[in-house]
C-alpha atoms as a PDB file:
ATOM      1  CA  UNK A   1       0.000   0.000   0.000  1.00  0.00           C
ATOM      2  CA  UNK A   2       2.909   2.391   0.783  1.00  0.00           C
ATOM      3  CA  UNK A   3       6.388   2.875  -0.585  1.00  0.00           C
ATOM      4  CA  UNK A   4       9.443   4.491   0.925  1.00  0.00           C
ATOM      5  CA  UNK A   5      10.526   7.662  -0.847  1.00  0.00           C
ATOM      6  CA  UNK A   6      13.331   8.658   1.514  1.00  0.00           C
ATOM      7  CA  UNK A   7      14.717   7.016   4.632  1.00  0.00           C
ATOM      8  CA  UNK A   8      15.702   3.630   3.222  1.00  0.00           C
ATOM      9  CA  UNK A   9      18.714   3.330   5.546  1.00  0.00           C
ATOM     10  CA  UNK A  10      16.595   4.182   8.579  1.00  0.00           C
ATOM     11  CA  UNK A  11      14.036   1.581   7.508  1.00  0.00           C
ATOM     12  CA  UNK A  12      16.772  -1.067   7.162  1.00  0.00           C
ATOM     13  CA  UNK A  13      18.181  -0.165  10.584  1.00  0.00           C
ATOM     14  CA  UNK A  14      14.754  -0.609  12.187  1.00  0.00           C
ATOM     15  CA  UNK A  15      14.359  -3.997  10.461  1.00  0.00           C
ATOM     16  CA  UNK A  16      17.771  -5.137  11.722  1.00  0.00           C
ATOM     17  CA  UNK A  17      16.780  -4.050  15.234  1.00  0.00           C
ATOM     18  CA  UNK A  18      13.500  -5.989  14.772  1.00  0.00           C
ATOM     19  CA  UNK A  19      11.384  -3.007  15.723  1.00  0.00           C
ATOM     20  CA  UNK A  20       7.669  -3.367  15.086  1.00  0.00           C
ATOM     21  CA  UNK A  21       7.014   0.368  14.651  1.00  0.00           C
ATOM     22  CA  UNK A  22       8.918   2.907  12.584  1.00  0.00           C
ATOM     23  CA  UNK A  23       8.163   6.626  12.955  1.00  0.00           C
ATOM     24  CA  UNK A  24       7.454   8.102   9.553  1.00  0.00           C
ATOM     25  CA  UNK A  25       5.560  10.735   7.621  1.00  0.00           C
ATOM     26  CA  UNK A  26       2.927   9.511   5.192  1.00  0.00           C
ATOM     27  CA  UNK A  27       2.232  11.756   2.229  1.00  0.00           C
ATOM     28  CA  UNK A  28      -0.498  10.624  -0.151  1.00  0.00           C
ATOM     29  CA  UNK A  29      -0.309  13.703  -2.372  1.00  0.00           C
ATOM     30  CA  UNK A  30       3.144  13.336  -3.944  1.00  0.00           C
ATOM     31  CA  UNK A  31       3.440  13.195  -7.709  1.00  0.00           C
ATOM     32  CA  UNK A  32       5.967  10.810  -9.243  1.00  0.00           C
ATOM     33  CA  UNK A  33       8.264  13.741 -10.025  1.00  0.00           C
ATOM     34  CA  UNK A  34       8.057  15.059  -6.435  1.00  0.00           C
ATOM     35  CA  UNK A  35       8.871  11.596  -5.068  1.00  0.00           C
ATOM     36  CA  UNK A  36      11.880  11.355  -7.406  1.00  0.00           C
ATOM     37  CA  UNK A  37      13.110  14.787  -6.305  1.00  0.00           C
ATOM     38  CA  UNK A  38      12.782  13.927  -2.599  1.00  0.00           C
ATOM     39  CA  UNK A  39      14.663  10.679  -3.090  1.00  0.00           C
ATOM     40  CA  UNK A  40      17.365  12.256  -5.235  1.00  0.00           C
ATOM     41  CA  UNK A  41      17.800  15.200  -2.871  1.00  0.00           C
ATOM     42  CA  UNK A  42      18.398  12.828   0.027  1.00  0.00           C
ATOM     43  CA  UNK A  43      20.939  10.776  -1.929  1.00  0.00           C
ATOM     44  CA  UNK A  44      22.837  13.820  -3.194  1.00  0.00           C
ATOM     45  CA  UNK A  45      23.256  15.199   0.329  1.00  0.00           C
ATOM     46  CA  UNK A  46      24.078  11.882   1.936  1.00  0.00           C
ATOM     47  CA  UNK A  47      26.412  10.202  -0.534  1.00  0.00           C
ATOM     48  CA  UNK A  48      29.596  11.191  -2.308  1.00  0.00           C
ATOM     49  CA  UNK A  49      28.528  10.409  -5.880  1.00  0.00           C
ATOM     50  CA  UNK A  50      30.603  10.928  -9.010  1.00  0.00           C
ATOM     51  CA  UNK A  51      29.251  13.122 -11.793  1.00  0.00           C
ATOM     52  CA  UNK A  52      28.007  10.162 -13.842  1.00  0.00           C
ATOM     53  CA  UNK A  53      26.069   8.719 -10.900  1.00  0.00           C
ATOM     54  CA  UNK A  54      24.487  12.134 -10.355  1.00  0.00           C
ATOM     55  CA  UNK A  55      23.624  12.317 -14.063  1.00  0.00           C
ATOM     56  CA  UNK A  56      21.975   8.903 -14.015  1.00  0.00           C
ATOM     57  CA  UNK A  57      19.920   9.949 -11.003  1.00  0.00           C
ATOM     58  CA  UNK A  58      18.845  13.126 -12.827  1.00  0.00           C
ATOM     59  CA  UNK A  59      17.984  11.138 -15.954  1.00  0.00           C
ATOM     60  CA  UNK A  60      14.740   9.945 -14.368  1.00  0.00           C
ATOM     61  CA  UNK A  61      13.744  13.570 -13.772  1.00  0.00           C
ATOM     62  CA  UNK A  62      14.694  14.518 -17.332  1.00  0.00           C
ATOM     63  CA  UNK A  63      12.610  11.644 -18.682  1.00  0.00           C
ATOM     64  CA  UNK A  64       9.715  12.831 -16.513  1.00  0.00           C
ATOM     65  CA  UNK A  65       9.840  16.109 -18.456  1.00  0.00           C
ATOM     66  CA  UNK A  66      11.405  18.354 -15.814  1.00  0.00           C
ATOM     67  CA  UNK A  67      13.481  21.202 -17.202  1.00  0.00           C
ATOM     68  CA  UNK A  68      16.949  22.148 -15.995  1.00  0.00           C
ATOM     69  CA  UNK A  69      15.589  25.142 -14.096  1.00  0.00           C
ATOM     70  CA  UNK A  70      12.797  23.078 -12.468  1.00  0.00           C
ATOM     71  CA  UNK A  71      15.243  20.443 -11.229  1.00  0.00           C
ATOM     72  CA  UNK A  72      17.736  23.087 -10.072  1.00  0.00           C
ATOM     73  CA  UNK A  73      15.052  24.871  -8.057  1.00  0.00           C
ATOM     74  CA  UNK A  74      13.702  21.691  -6.460  1.00  0.00           C
ATOM     75  CA  UNK A  75      17.144  20.341  -5.515  1.00  0.00           C
ATOM     76  CA  UNK A  76      18.585  23.677  -4.438  1.00  0.00           C
ATOM     77  CA  UNK A  77      21.368  23.382  -7.018  1.00  0.00           C
ATOM     78  CA  UNK A  78      22.410  25.801  -9.734  1.00  0.00           C
ATOM     79  CA  UNK A  79      21.080  25.521 -13.280  1.00  0.00           C
ATOM     80  CA  UNK A  80      24.672  25.090 -14.426  1.00  0.00           C
ATOM     81  CA  UNK A  81      25.133  22.104 -12.097  1.00  0.00           C
ATOM     82  CA  UNK A  82      22.015  20.404 -13.469  1.00  0.00           C
ATOM     83  CA  UNK A  83      22.698  21.461 -17.081  1.00  0.00           C
ATOM     84  CA  UNK A  84      26.167  19.885 -17.125  1.00  0.00           C
ATOM     85  CA  UNK A  85      24.713  16.584 -15.920  1.00  0.00           C
ATOM     86  CA  UNK A  86      21.952  16.746 -18.533  1.00  0.00           C
ATOM     87  CA  UNK A  87      24.666  17.349 -21.171  1.00  0.00           C
ATOM     88  CA  UNK A  88      26.674  14.374 -19.938  1.00  0.00           C
ATOM     89  CA  UNK A  89      23.642  12.117 -20.455  1.00  0.00           C
ATOM     90  CA  UNK A  90      23.705  12.978 -24.172  1.00  0.00           C
ATOM     91  CA  UNK A  91      27.409  12.278 -24.698  1.00  0.00           C
ATOM     92  CA  UNK A  92      28.818   8.942 -25.967  1.00  0.00           C
ATOM     93  CA  UNK A  93      29.622   6.160 -23.486  1.00  0.00           C
ATOM     94  CA  UNK A  94      33.450   6.538 -23.577  1.00  0.00           C
ATOM     95  CA  UNK A  95      33.090  10.195 -22.535  1.00  0.00           C
ATOM     96  CA  UNK A  96      30.650   9.278 -19.780  1.00  0.00           C
ATOM     97  CA  UNK A  97      33.125   6.727 -18.408  1.00  0.00           C
ATOM     98  CA  UNK A  98      35.972   9.249 -18.502  1.00  0.00           C
ATOM     99  CA  UNK A  99      33.832  11.763 -16.611  1.00  0.00           C
ATOM    100  CA  UNK A 100      32.873   9.117 -14.029  1.00  0.00           C
ATOM    101  CA  UNK A 101      36.552   8.349 -13.425  1.00  0.00           C
ATOM    102  CA  UNK A 102      37.366  12.038 -12.998  1.00  0.00           C
ATOM    103  CA  UNK A 103      39.467  12.393 -16.159  1.00  0.00           C
ATOM    104  CA  UNK A 104      37.055  14.925 -17.657  1.00  0.00           C
ATOM    105  CA  UNK A 105      35.743  17.809 -15.556  1.00  0.00           C
ATOM    106  CA  UNK A 106      32.552  19.863 -15.811  1.00  0.00           C
ATOM    107  CA  UNK A 107      33.898  22.669 -18.006  1.00  0.00           C
ATOM    108  CA  UNK A 108      35.384  20.082 -20.368  1.00  0.00           C
ATOM    109  CA  UNK A 109      32.028  18.294 -20.539  1.00  0.00           C
ATOM    110  CA  UNK A 110      30.440  21.555 -21.705  1.00  0.00           C
ATOM    111  CA  UNK A 111      33.209  22.113 -24.276  1.00  0.00           C
ATOM    112  CA  UNK A 112      32.883  18.584 -25.628  1.00  0.00           C
ATOM    113  CA  UNK A 113      29.092  18.786 -25.707  1.00  0.00           C
ATOM    114  CA  UNK A 114      29.241  21.994 -27.780  1.00  0.00           C
ATOM    115  CA  UNK A 115      31.199  20.206 -30.527  1.00  0.00           C
ATOM    116  CA  UNK A 116      27.971  18.408 -31.615  1.00  0.00           C
ATOM    117  CA  UNK A 117      29.738  15.928 -33.949  1.00  0.00           C
ATOM    118  CA  UNK A 118      30.100  12.603 -32.093  1.00  0.00           C
ATOM    119  CA  UNK A 119      33.448  11.717 -33.677  1.00  0.00           C
ATOM    120  CA  UNK A 120      34.906  15.123 -32.745  1.00  0.00           C
ATOM    121  CA  UNK A 121      33.546  14.752 -29.209  1.00  0.00           C
ATOM    122  CA  UNK A 122      35.297  11.394 -28.809  1.00  0.00           C
ATOM    123  CA  UNK A 123      38.556  12.765 -30.255  1.00  0.00           C
ATOM    124  CA  UNK A 124      38.467  15.766 -27.909  1.00  0.00           C
ATOM    125  CA  UNK A 125      37.826  13.530 -24.890  1.00  0.00           C
ATOM    126  CA  UNK A 126      40.729  11.299 -25.916  1.00  0.00           C
ATOM    127  CA  UNK A 127      43.071  14.331 -26.160  1.00  0.00           C
ATOM    128  CA  UNK A 128      42.020  15.472 -22.680  1.00  0.00           C
ATOM    129  CA  UNK A 129      42.462  11.989 -21.168  1.00  0.00           C
ATOM    130  CA  UNK A 130      45.850  11.453 -22.834  1.00  0.00           C
ATOM    131  CA  UNK A 131      47.112  14.847 -21.644  1.00  0.00           C
ATOM    132  CA  UNK A 132      46.018  14.149 -18.067  1.00  0.00           C
ATOM    133  CA  UNK A 133      47.560  10.683 -18.063  1.00  0.00           C
ATOM    134  CA  UNK A 134      50.892  12.079 -19.334  1.00  0.00           C
ATOM    135  CA  UNK A 135      50.723  14.968 -16.864  1.00  0.00           C
ATOM    136  CA  UNK A 136      50.653  17.576 -19.614  1.00  0.00           C
ATOM    137  CA  UNK A 137      48.607  20.746 -19.896  1.00  0.00           C
ATOM    138  CA  UNK A 138      45.044  19.869 -20.914  1.00  0.00           C
ATOM    139  CA  UNK A 139      44.064  21.448 -24.242  1.00  0.00           C
ATOM    140  CA  UNK A 140      41.154  23.901 -24.429  1.00  0.00           C
ATOM    141  CA  UNK A 141      38.516  22.793 -26.920  1.00  0.00           C
ATOM    142  CA  UNK A 142      36.929  25.437 -29.118  1.00  0.00           C
ATOM    143  CA  UNK A 143      33.643  24.663 -30.845  1.00  0.00           C
ATOM    144  CA  UNK A 144      33.596  25.058 -34.597  1.00  0.00           C
ATOM    145  CA  UNK A 145      32.486  28.527 -35.603  1.00  0.00           C
ATOM    146  CA  UNK A 146      33.241  30.002 -32.185  1.00  0.00           C
ATOM    147  CA  UNK A 147      33.229  33.776 -32.326  1.00  0.00           C
ATOM    148  CA  UNK A 148      35.395  35.853 -30.030  1.00  0.00           C
ATOM    149  CA  UNK A 149      33.188  38.371 -28.239  1.00  0.00           C
ATOM    150  CA  UNK A 150      34.067  41.778 -26.916  1.00  0.00           C
ATOM    151  CA  UNK A 151      32.885  41.429 -23.322  1.00  0.00           C
ATOM    152  CA  UNK A 152      33.328  45.150 -22.704  1.00  0.00           C
ATOM    153  CA  UNK A 153      30.752  46.123 -25.323  1.00  0.00           C
ATOM    154  CA  UNK A 154      27.350  46.742 -23.763  1.00  0.00           C
ATOM    155  CA  UNK A 155      24.109  45.607 -25.283  1.00  0.00           C
ATOM    156  CA  UNK A 156      21.270  48.099 -25.628  1.00  0.00           C
ATOM    157  CA  UNK A 157      18.149  46.732 -23.934  1.00  0.00           C
ATOM    158  CA  UNK A 158      14.560  47.751 -24.426  1.00  0.00           C
ATOM    159  CA  UNK A 159      12.084  48.263 -21.564  1.00  0.00           C
ATOM    160  CA  UNK A 160      10.590  44.758 -21.887  1.00  0.00           C
ATOM    161  CA  UNK A 161      14.024  43.153 -21.477  1.00  0.00           C
ATOM    162  CA  UNK A 162      14.786  45.259 -18.418  1.00  0.00           C
ATOM    163  CA  UNK A 163      11.425  44.493 -16.764  1.00  0.00           C
ATOM    164  CA  UNK A 164      11.846  40.789 -17.526  1.00  0.00           C
ATOM    165  CA  UNK A 165      15.343  40.795 -15.978  1.00  0.00           C
ATOM    166  CA  UNK A 166      14.070  42.595 -12.866  1.00  0.00           C
ATOM    167  CA  UNK A 167      11.260  40.049 -12.444  1.00  0.00           C
ATOM    168  CA  UNK A 168      13.702  37.198 -12.992  1.00  0.00           C
ATOM    169  CA  UNK A 169      16.125  38.564 -10.373  1.00  0.00           C
ATOM    170  CA  UNK A 170      13.324  39.057  -7.846  1.00  0.00           C
ATOM    171  CA  UNK A 171      12.101  35.484  -8.320  1.00  0.00           C
END
């Protein structure tokens, strides 16, 4: 009739101690997505997971149709944190394994993801792994067609943009 959403370790401890009653909170109004978020939030705070394990956990939320910003808000993480893990889910298996082992970091995942061509993604990951293994400086990967921007140049905004930004900041 009921299922455990969070507190699996506590439940196991009570079973080992052969307790007949376990204090708990019963919530009949959780959606599947809310249950997934509660469970994932507990696991992220309790365990030391690698980036691939975190990505796999987020995959269920992605498949449930939750956006990066929705997941970030619910888990109390940044959109960048969630976005990188969503990107990793779309990369080829060799790159996922390299990220899980710590050979490819978050900024490199973004760089590789932006290449779009699978063969170029695999080649870039191989260059990064080889450089790390040899103890050399890791190459920076530039996406094809990357344009150098002048970050000092300001962009003229209209009133709608400014009001939208103010609302966004307040939220």
